[in-house]
């Protein structure tokens, strides 16, 4: 807190034991980054990375050391030069690096232009977070599309479970990407927040103000004590007021954030496309299940109709099975001739009734 001027509530964002969403905070002397696995505090001269020994954070730290230690000063004709020597702090360890940090007079005449230290570190953080989300998106796409296609061809419990797990991962990943996108969009919409992130220019402006105040105090050494105290107070307040009202051109940071906003927005569009594909597959599966259900209902109607017709035949058989005397049993040609006539007549009547019932159902639209 003494080193960066950050309050405790901002440092809690970096606590690995606490769950905080993706956040980019611009403060007076530091920038707090919490993007996925990237947690860092960026100042005008150093980067503080907690848990830098983690296997997940290790590649990010190496990339950060390589990027911020490379000379970044470029002139109008594209030539490259070296800047001042500054320090990079990674997880509390000091390391020397040749950083292209701007001097106080660089860029005033338009002859040289370089990216500030904090923006180079911020770009590495954004790039690492975007690459991580993009990699997870590509991996999910490779698993999701074949699983969804297999589910459409064969509906089974195993395929349904795979798709359920993929959909859960898709929802979680979409929420993370959406949060990063919203954070970048919030920064792009707020010019004051972007102005707060110009740490190097604020530091240089503060140094120039202090030097100007000291020079004025030396020139006024021959005046009376009261006038000297009054001049010192006025000049100090003027210098402090100019620092507070510091409003740099935010175009450089805006272009940097817009580039990664477009990248993260593309990742979100891929997830949205995959989500739509999952929804379309679910709709297709529901349609197939509804079709199967309709077929089962039609089969049930046909079997119920057949049962009704057969019941009518059973009634006829039951009547002839009664132990009563009728004239049919006393036929002159024997009972067997009448028996077969009655049997075939009953069977034919059942078939005719079934055909008529099915024909009526199709004509009325109950059956297909």
Protein backbone atom coordinates (compact mmCIF):
# COMPACT_ATOMS: atom_id res chain seq x y z
CA UNK A 1 0.00 0.00 0.00
CA UNK A 2 2.87 2.41 0.76
CA UNK A 3 4.64 1.48 -2.44
CA UNK A 4 1.71 1.85 -4.84
CA UNK A 5 -0.65 4.15 -2.98
CA UNK A 6 -3.48 1.65 -3.34
CA UNK A 7 -6.16 1.18 -0.66
CA UNK A 8 -6.77 -2.21 0.86
CA UNK A 9 -10.02 -2.77 -1.03
CA UNK A 10 -8.14 -2.59 -4.34
CA UNK A 11 -5.48 -5.04 -3.17
CA UNK A 12 -8.18 -7.50 -2.16
CA UNK A 13 -9.00 -7.85 -5.86
CA UNK A 14 -5.66 -9.66 -6.22
CA UNK A 15 -6.29 -12.08 -3.36
CA UNK A 16 -6.32 -15.62 -4.84
CA UNK A 17 -8.45 -16.84 -1.93
CA UNK A 18 -11.26 -14.44 -2.87
CA UNK A 19 -13.39 -14.69 -6.00
CA UNK A 20 -13.51 -11.41 -7.87
CA UNK A 21 -14.68 -10.91 -11.47
CA UNK A 22 -12.40 -9.49 -14.14
CA UNK A 23 -11.47 -5.93 -13.20
CA UNK A 24 -9.22 -3.14 -14.49
CA UNK A 25 -8.84 -0.28 -12.02
CA UNK A 26 -7.01 2.96 -12.79
CA UNK A 27 -5.75 4.76 -9.70
CA UNK A 28 -3.57 7.79 -9.03
CA UNK A 29 -0.25 5.92 -8.97
CA UNK A 30 -1.05 2.40 -10.15
CA UNK A 31 -3.26 0.20 -12.31
CA UNK A 32 -4.81 -2.92 -10.78
CA UNK A 33 -5.31 -5.82 -13.22
CA UNK A 34 -7.44 -8.88 -12.50
CA UNK A 35 -8.13 -10.70 -15.76
CA UNK A 36 -8.62 -14.45 -15.56
CA UNK A 37 -5.30 -15.86 -14.28
CA UNK A 38 -3.55 -12.50 -14.66
CA UNK A 39 -3.23 -10.52 -11.43
CA UNK A 40 -0.85 -7.57 -11.38
CA UNK A 41 -0.26 -4.06 -10.10
CA UNK A 42 1.29 -1.74 -12.70
CA UNK A 43 3.00 1.49 -11.76
CA UNK A 44 4.94 3.95 -13.90
CA UNK A 45 8.22 2.11 -13.29
CA UNK A 46 7.46 -1.46 -12.19
CA UNK A 47 5.03 -4.36 -12.30
CA UNK A 48 4.08 -6.34 -9.20
CA UNK A 49 2.89 -9.88 -9.98
CA UNK A 50 1.70 -12.05 -7.09
CA UNK A 51 2.13 -15.82 -7.31
CA UNK A 52 4.56 -15.55 -10.21
CA UNK A 53 5.84 -19.11 -9.59
CA UNK A 54 2.51 -20.65 -10.57
CA UNK A 55 2.72 -22.79 -13.74
CA UNK A 56 -0.21 -20.90 -15.18
CA UNK A 57 1.35 -17.49 -14.50
CA UNK A 58 4.92 -18.47 -15.45
CA UNK A 59 4.55 -17.96 -19.24
CA UNK A 60 2.89 -14.61 -18.62
CA UNK A 61 5.79 -13.46 -16.43
CA UNK A 62 8.33 -14.48 -19.08
CA UNK A 63 6.41 -12.67 -21.78
CA UNK A 64 6.08 -9.62 -19.53
CA UNK A 65 9.83 -9.53 -18.87
CA UNK A 66 10.61 -9.83 -22.56
CA UNK A 67 8.11 -7.20 -23.67
CA UNK A 68 8.70 -4.47 -21.11
CA UNK A 69 12.49 -4.89 -21.26
CA UNK A 70 12.62 -4.41 -25.04
CA UNK A 71 13.37 -0.92 -26.41
CA UNK A 72 10.14 0.66 -27.63
CA UNK A 73 11.17 4.18 -28.65
CA UNK A 74 10.40 4.92 -32.30
CA UNK A 75 11.03 8.05 -34.32
CA UNK A 76 9.09 9.47 -37.22
CA UNK A 77 11.04 7.46 -39.82
CA UNK A 78 10.61 4.23 -37.87
CA UNK A 79 14.10 4.10 -36.31
CA UNK A 80 14.45 2.54 -32.87
CA UNK A 81 16.38 3.90 -29.91
CA UNK A 82 16.98 2.97 -26.28
CA UNK A 83 15.38 4.64 -23.32
CA UNK A 84 16.29 4.88 -19.66
CA UNK A 85 17.11 2.04 -17.30
CA UNK A 86 14.23 1.16 -14.99
CA UNK A 87 13.32 -1.67 -12.65
CA UNK A 88 10.69 -4.34 -12.99
CA UNK A 89 9.40 -5.94 -9.80
CA UNK A 90 7.99 -9.45 -10.26
CA UNK A 91 6.57 -11.03 -7.11
CA UNK A 92 8.77 -8.86 -4.88
CA UNK A 93 12.04 -9.62 -6.73
CA UNK A 94 13.91 -6.78 -8.41
CA UNK A 95 15.21 -7.30 -11.93
CA UNK A 96 17.04 -4.84 -14.13
CA UNK A 97 15.67 -4.27 -17.63
CA UNK A 98 16.34 -1.91 -20.48
CA UNK A 99 12.98 -0.21 -20.83
CA UNK A 100 12.06 2.42 -23.37
CA UNK A 101 10.55 4.81 -20.87
CA UNK A 102 9.97 8.35 -22.16
CA UNK A 103 11.90 11.31 -20.78
CA UNK A 104 10.14 14.49 -19.79
CA UNK A 105 11.01 16.17 -23.09
CA UNK A 106 10.26 13.26 -25.38
CA UNK A 107 7.39 13.91 -27.76
CA UNK A 108 7.24 17.66 -27.15
CA UNK A 109 8.74 18.49 -30.54
CA UNK A 110 6.99 15.64 -32.30
CA UNK A 111 10.32 14.07 -33.23
CA UNK A 112 9.97 10.91 -31.13
CA UNK A 113 7.12 8.75 -29.95
CA UNK A 114 7.22 5.80 -27.59
CA UNK A 115 4.73 3.64 -25.74
CA UNK A 116 4.70 4.32 -21.97
CA UNK A 117 5.82 1.57 -19.66
CA UNK A 118 2.40 1.03 -18.09
CA UNK A 119 0.73 0.62 -21.48
CA UNK A 120 3.22 -2.03 -22.58
CA UNK A 121 2.61 -3.95 -19.38
CA UNK A 122 -1.14 -3.48 -19.74
CA UNK A 123 -0.99 -4.78 -23.31
CA UNK A 124 0.79 -7.95 -22.18
CA UNK A 125 -1.90 -8.52 -19.55
CA UNK A 126 -4.72 -8.00 -22.04
CA UNK A 127 -3.03 -10.16 -24.66
CA UNK A 128 -2.44 -13.01 -22.23
CA UNK A 129 -6.04 -12.93 -20.97
CA UNK A 130 -7.48 -12.77 -24.49
CA UNK A 131 -5.26 -15.63 -25.66
CA UNK A 132 -6.33 -17.75 -22.71
CA UNK A 133 -10.02 -17.19 -23.42
CA UNK A 134 -9.51 -17.70 -27.16
CA UNK A 135 -7.68 -20.99 -26.53
CA UNK A 136 -10.46 -22.27 -24.26
CA UNK A 137 -13.03 -21.24 -26.88
CA UNK A 138 -11.25 -23.13 -29.66
CA UNK A 139 -10.91 -26.22 -27.45
CA UNK A 140 -14.60 -26.08 -26.60
CA UNK A 141 -15.53 -25.72 -30.27
CA UNK A 142 -13.46 -28.78 -31.21
CA UNK A 143 -15.32 -30.83 -28.60
CA UNK A 144 -18.78 -29.35 -29.03
CA UNK A 145 -19.48 -29.56 -32.75
CA UNK A 146 -18.67 -33.31 -33.15
CA UNK A 147 -20.62 -34.14 -29.99
CA UNK A 148 -23.66 -32.19 -31.20
CA UNK A 149 -23.52 -33.81 -34.65
CA UNK A 150 -23.28 -37.25 -33.05
CA UNK A 151 -26.26 -36.48 -30.84
CA UNK A 152 -28.40 -35.57 -33.85
CA UNK A 153 -27.54 -38.88 -35.49
CA UNK A 154 -27.99 -41.00 -32.36
CA UNK A 155 -29.88 -39.93 -29.29
CA UNK A 156 -28.50 -41.76 -26.28
CA UNK A 157 -27.91 -41.13 -22.60
CA UNK A 158 -24.14 -40.92 -23.11
CA UNK A 159 -24.42 -38.34 -25.89
CA UNK A 160 -26.93 -36.32 -23.90
CA UNK A 161 -24.60 -36.26 -20.90
CA UNK A 162 -21.68 -35.08 -23.05
CA UNK A 163 -23.76 -32.27 -24.51
CA UNK A 164 -24.96 -31.28 -21.04
CA UNK A 165 -21.38 -30.94 -19.80
CA UNK A 166 -20.39 -28.96 -22.90
CA UNK A 167 -23.32 -26.61 -22.41
CA UNK A 168 -22.32 -26.02 -18.78
CA UNK A 169 -18.77 -25.15 -19.85
CA UNK A 170 -20.15 -22.91 -22.58
CA UNK A 171 -22.30 -20.94 -20.14
CA UNK A 172 -19.41 -20.48 -17.70
CA UNK A 173 -16.94 -19.45 -20.42
CA UNK A 174 -19.42 -17.05 -21.98
CA UNK A 175 -19.89 -15.34 -18.62
CA UNK A 176 -16.14 -14.88 -18.20
CA UNK A 177 -15.67 -13.50 -21.71
CA UNK A 178 -18.68 -11.22 -21.29
CA UNK A 179 -17.23 -9.81 -18.07
CA UNK A 180 -13.90 -8.97 -19.74
CA UNK A 181 -15.74 -7.38 -22.65
CA UNK A 182 -17.92 -5.31 -20.32
CA UNK A 183 -14.86 -4.13 -18.40
CA UNK A 184 -13.12 -2.96 -21.58
CA UNK A 185 -16.32 -1.32 -22.79
CA UNK A 186 -16.66 0.49 -19.46
CA UNK A 187 -13.13 1.86 -19.77
CA UNK A 188 -13.71 2.97 -23.37
CA UNK A 189 -16.87 4.80 -22.35
CA UNK A 190 -15.22 6.66 -19.45
CA UNK A 191 -12.55 9.17 -20.50
CA UNK A 192 -11.69 9.99 -16.89
CA UNK A 193 -10.81 6.38 -16.10
CA UNK A 194 -8.57 6.20 -19.15
CA UNK A 195 -6.89 9.49 -18.20
CA UNK A 196 -6.13 8.04 -14.75
CA UNK A 197 -4.11 5.27 -16.38
CA UNK A 198 -1.50 7.65 -17.84
CA UNK A 199 0.88 7.05 -14.92
CA UNK A 200 4.12 8.05 -16.65
CA UNK A 201 2.81 11.39 -17.85
CA UNK A 202 1.35 12.14 -14.43
CA UNK A 203 4.69 11.25 -12.83
CA UNK A 204 6.61 13.48 -15.24
CA UNK A 205 4.15 16.32 -14.75
CA UNK A 206 4.53 16.03 -11.00
CA UNK A 207 8.34 16.12 -11.26
CA UNK A 208 8.26 19.17 -13.52
CA UNK A 209 5.95 20.90 -11.05
CA UNK A 210 8.28 20.13 -8.16
CA UNK A 211 11.33 21.41 -10.06
CA UNK A 212 9.48 24.60 -11.01
CA UNK A 213 8.46 25.16 -7.39
CA UNK A 214 12.05 24.74 -6.16
CA UNK A 215 13.38 27.17 -8.76
CA UNK A 216 10.86 29.82 -7.83
CA UNK A 217 11.68 29.40 -4.17
CA UNK A 218 15.42 30.01 -4.82
CA UNK A 219 14.70 33.18 -6.78
CA UNK A 220 12.50 34.54 -4.03
CA UNK A 221 15.09 33.96 -1.26
CA UNK A 222 15.78 37.67 -0.82
CA UNK A 223 12.17 38.57 -0.07
CA UNK A 224 10.60 38.77 3.34
CA UNK A 225 9.60 35.64 5.21
CA UNK A 226 5.89 36.34 4.98
CA UNK A 227 5.99 36.95 1.22
CA UNK A 228 8.16 33.86 0.72
CA UNK A 229 5.74 31.70 2.67
CA UNK A 230 2.81 33.08 0.70
CA UNK A 231 4.54 32.54 -2.66
CA UNK A 232 5.52 29.01 -1.69
CA UNK A 233 1.97 28.20 -0.71
CA UNK A 234 0.48 29.65 -3.87
CA UNK A 235 2.99 27.94 -6.16
CA UNK A 236 2.57 24.62 -4.41
CA UNK A 237 -1.20 24.84 -4.71
CA UNK A 238 -0.85 25.81 -8.36
CA UNK A 239 1.43 22.86 -9.05
CA UNK A 240 -0.88 20.50 -7.18
CA UNK A 241 -3.90 21.92 -9.00
CA UNK A 242 -2.26 21.41 -12.39
CA UNK A 243 -1.51 17.79 -11.43
CA UNK A 244 -5.07 17.18 -10.32
CA UNK A 245 -6.46 18.74 -13.48
CA UNK A 246 -4.09 16.66 -15.62
CA UNK A 247 -5.95 15.58 -18.79
CA UNK A 248 -3.73 13.80 -21.32
CA UNK A 249 -4.75 12.79 -24.81
CA UNK A 250 -6.37 9.39 -24.37
CA UNK A 251 -6.21 8.44 -28.05
CA UNK A 252 -3.24 6.11 -27.59
CA UNK A 253 -4.84 4.14 -24.75
CA UNK A 254 -8.19 4.18 -26.53
CA UNK A 255 -6.71 2.54 -29.62
CA UNK A 256 -5.01 -0.09 -27.44
CA UNK A 257 -8.22 -0.95 -25.61
CA UNK A 258 -10.25 -0.95 -28.82
CA UNK A 259 -7.91 -3.51 -30.40
CA UNK A 260 -8.41 -6.00 -27.57
CA UNK A 261 -12.10 -5.10 -27.28
CA UNK A 262 -12.53 -6.21 -30.90
CA UNK A 263 -10.59 -9.40 -30.17
CA UNK A 264 -12.60 -10.32 -27.08
CA UNK A 265 -15.80 -9.39 -28.91
CA UNK A 266 -14.84 -11.84 -31.66
CA UNK A 267 -14.33 -14.55 -29.05
CA UNK A 268 -17.75 -13.76 -27.59
CA UNK A 269 -19.28 -13.99 -31.08
CA UNK A 270 -17.77 -17.46 -31.50
CA UNK A 271 -19.33 -18.53 -28.21
CA UNK A 272 -22.65 -16.98 -29.24
CA UNK A 273 -22.53 -18.91 -32.52
CA UNK A 274 -21.79 -22.12 -30.61
CA UNK A 275 -24.62 -21.34 -28.20
CA UNK A 276 -27.01 -20.89 -31.13
CA UNK A 277 -25.83 -24.20 -32.58
CA UNK A 278 -26.51 -25.90 -29.25
CA UNK A 279 -29.98 -24.32 -29.12
CA UNK A 280 -30.69 -25.41 -32.70
CA UNK A 281 -29.58 -28.93 -31.86
CA UNK A 282 -31.84 -28.97 -28.81
CA UNK A 283 -34.76 -27.79 -30.93
CA UNK A 284 -34.01 -30.50 -33.48
CA UNK A 285 -33.83 -33.15 -30.76
CA UNK A 286 -37.12 -31.95 -29.29
CA UNK A 287 -38.74 -32.12 -32.72
CA UNK A 288 -37.45 -35.66 -33.18
CA UNK A 289 -38.73 -36.66 -29.74
CA UNK A 290 -42.11 -35.10 -30.47
CA UNK A 291 -42.25 -37.05 -33.73
CA UNK A 292 -41.47 -40.28 -31.91
CA UNK A 293 -44.11 -39.46 -29.32
CA UNK A 294 -46.69 -38.82 -32.04
CA UNK A 295 -45.84 -42.14 -33.66
CA UNK A 296 -46.28 -43.92 -30.33
CA UNK A 297 -49.63 -42.21 -29.79
CA UNK A 298 -50.81 -43.24 -33.25
CA UNK A 299 -49.74 -46.80 -32.58
CA UNK A 300 -51.63 -46.67 -29.31
CA UNK A 301 -54.77 -45.49 -31.12
CA UNK A 302 -54.46 -48.27 -33.70
CA UNK A 303 -53.95 -50.92 -31.01
CA UNK A 304 -56.89 -49.58 -29.01
CA UNK A 305 -59.07 -49.74 -32.12
CA UNK A 306 -57.94 -53.30 -32.81
CA UNK A 307 -58.69 -54.25 -29.23
CA UNK A 308 -62.20 -52.81 -29.58
CA UNK A 309 -62.87 -54.76 -32.77
CA UNK A 310 -61.52 -57.99 -31.32
CA UNK A 311 -63.71 -57.47 -28.29
CA UNK A 312 -66.73 -57.43 -30.58
CA UNK A 313 -65.60 -60.80 -32.02
CA UNK A 314 -65.11 -62.16 -28.51
CA UNK A 315 -68.69 -61.20 -27.70
CA UNK A 316 -69.91 -63.32 -30.63
CA UNK A 317 -67.73 -66.25 -29.55
CA UNK A 318 -69.02 -65.90 -25.99
CA UNK A 319 -72.60 -66.08 -27.16
CA UNK A 320 -72.00 -69.30 -29.08
CA UNK A 321 -70.06 -70.75 -26.17
CA UNK A 322 -73.06 -70.68 -23.86
CA UNK A 323 -74.46 -74.08 -22.83
CA UNK A 324 -77.94 -73.49 -24.26
CA UNK A 325 -79.80 -75.18 -27.02
CA UNK A 326 -80.36 -73.30 -30.30
CA UNK A 327 -81.54 -74.34 -33.75
CA UNK A 328 -78.10 -73.83 -35.25
CA UNK A 329 -76.84 -76.91 -33.46
CA UNK A 330 -79.62 -79.01 -35.03
CA UNK A 331 -78.81 -78.16 -38.67
CA UNK A 332 -79.56 -80.98 -41.17
CA UNK A 333 -76.00 -80.84 -42.68
CA UNK A 334 -74.32 -81.03 -39.29
CA UNK A 335 -73.08 -78.26 -37.01
CA UNK A 336 -69.60 -78.08 -38.53
CA UNK A 337 -70.80 -76.41 -41.73
CA UNK A 338 -72.54 -73.66 -39.80
CA UNK A 339 -69.63 -73.37 -37.40
CA UNK A 340 -67.16 -72.42 -40.13
CA UNK A 341 -69.60 -70.03 -41.72
CA UNK A 342 -70.08 -68.28 -38.42
CA UNK A 343 -66.34 -68.22 -37.67
CA UNK A 344 -65.31 -66.72 -41.00
CA UNK A 345 -68.19 -64.28 -40.91
CA UNK A 346 -67.14 -63.07 -37.44
CA UNK A 347 -63.49 -62.72 -38.51
CA UNK A 348 -64.43 -60.88 -41.71
CA UNK A 349 -66.72 -58.56 -39.78
CA UNK A 350 -63.88 -57.68 -37.37
CA UNK A 351 -61.52 -56.90 -40.26
CA UNK A 352 -64.10 -54.70 -41.96
CA UNK A 353 -64.80 -52.82 -38.74
CA UNK A 354 -61.06 -52.24 -38.17
CA UNK A 355 -60.54 -50.94 -41.72
CA UNK A 356 -63.50 -48.62 -41.39
CA UNK A 357 -62.22 -47.30 -38.03
CA UNK A 358 -58.70 -46.63 -39.38
CA UNK A 359 -60.10 -45.00 -42.52
CA UNK A 360 -62.29 -42.71 -40.44
CA UNK A 361 -59.31 -41.76 -38.23
CA UNK A 362 -57.14 -40.78 -41.22
CA UNK A 363 -59.98 -38.89 -42.86
CA UNK A 364 -60.64 -36.91 -39.70
CA UNK A 365 -56.90 -36.16 -39.23
CA UNK A 366 -56.41 -38.18 -36.06
CA UNK A 367 -54.02 -40.55 -37.82
CA UNK A 368 -51.44 -40.00 -40.55
